[in-house]
């Protein structure tokens, strides 16, 4: 299942900006920054991810035509009792966002390590012509929450 099929409505959520920090000062134009965002997994209740992306300043960043670099970090955690809203395929898109006007896109994908009952999230960027090997991985072991027994992610993989 892709972000454009059954997940389309769920994947439409936009990330929440937590904070930005300037990394390079620019005279009369916006600074280069690191921006940290939070997003909840649209299919897995009780799991949230935080990611940090560089945002170019200068004239091209200000005009919205800068191609952003592929350096993205990711951390996902269980923040409540886990429940699944629907089945998913290994490597399904959880979230995607454009990183340039046309050619580059950041993607967060989800999978299940059935043996360890752990959700696995990977963030990477791709280009229309050539992808980037830069990536970051985060895992979320599904644990009991209070007296609620955790589900098995293997039961929710659409094979």
Foldseek 3Di string as FASTA:
>chain_A
DECPPPVVVLQPDDWAWPDKDADADDPPKDGWIKTKTKDAQSFKPQKIKIKIFIQHMDPCSRVQADQGDWAMEMEMEGRAAIDGNAAEAAFYWRYKDARHPPFKMKTWTWHAPQVQLKIKIKITMQTPVGGDPDMYMYIYRRCAGVPRHHDRSVVRHDD
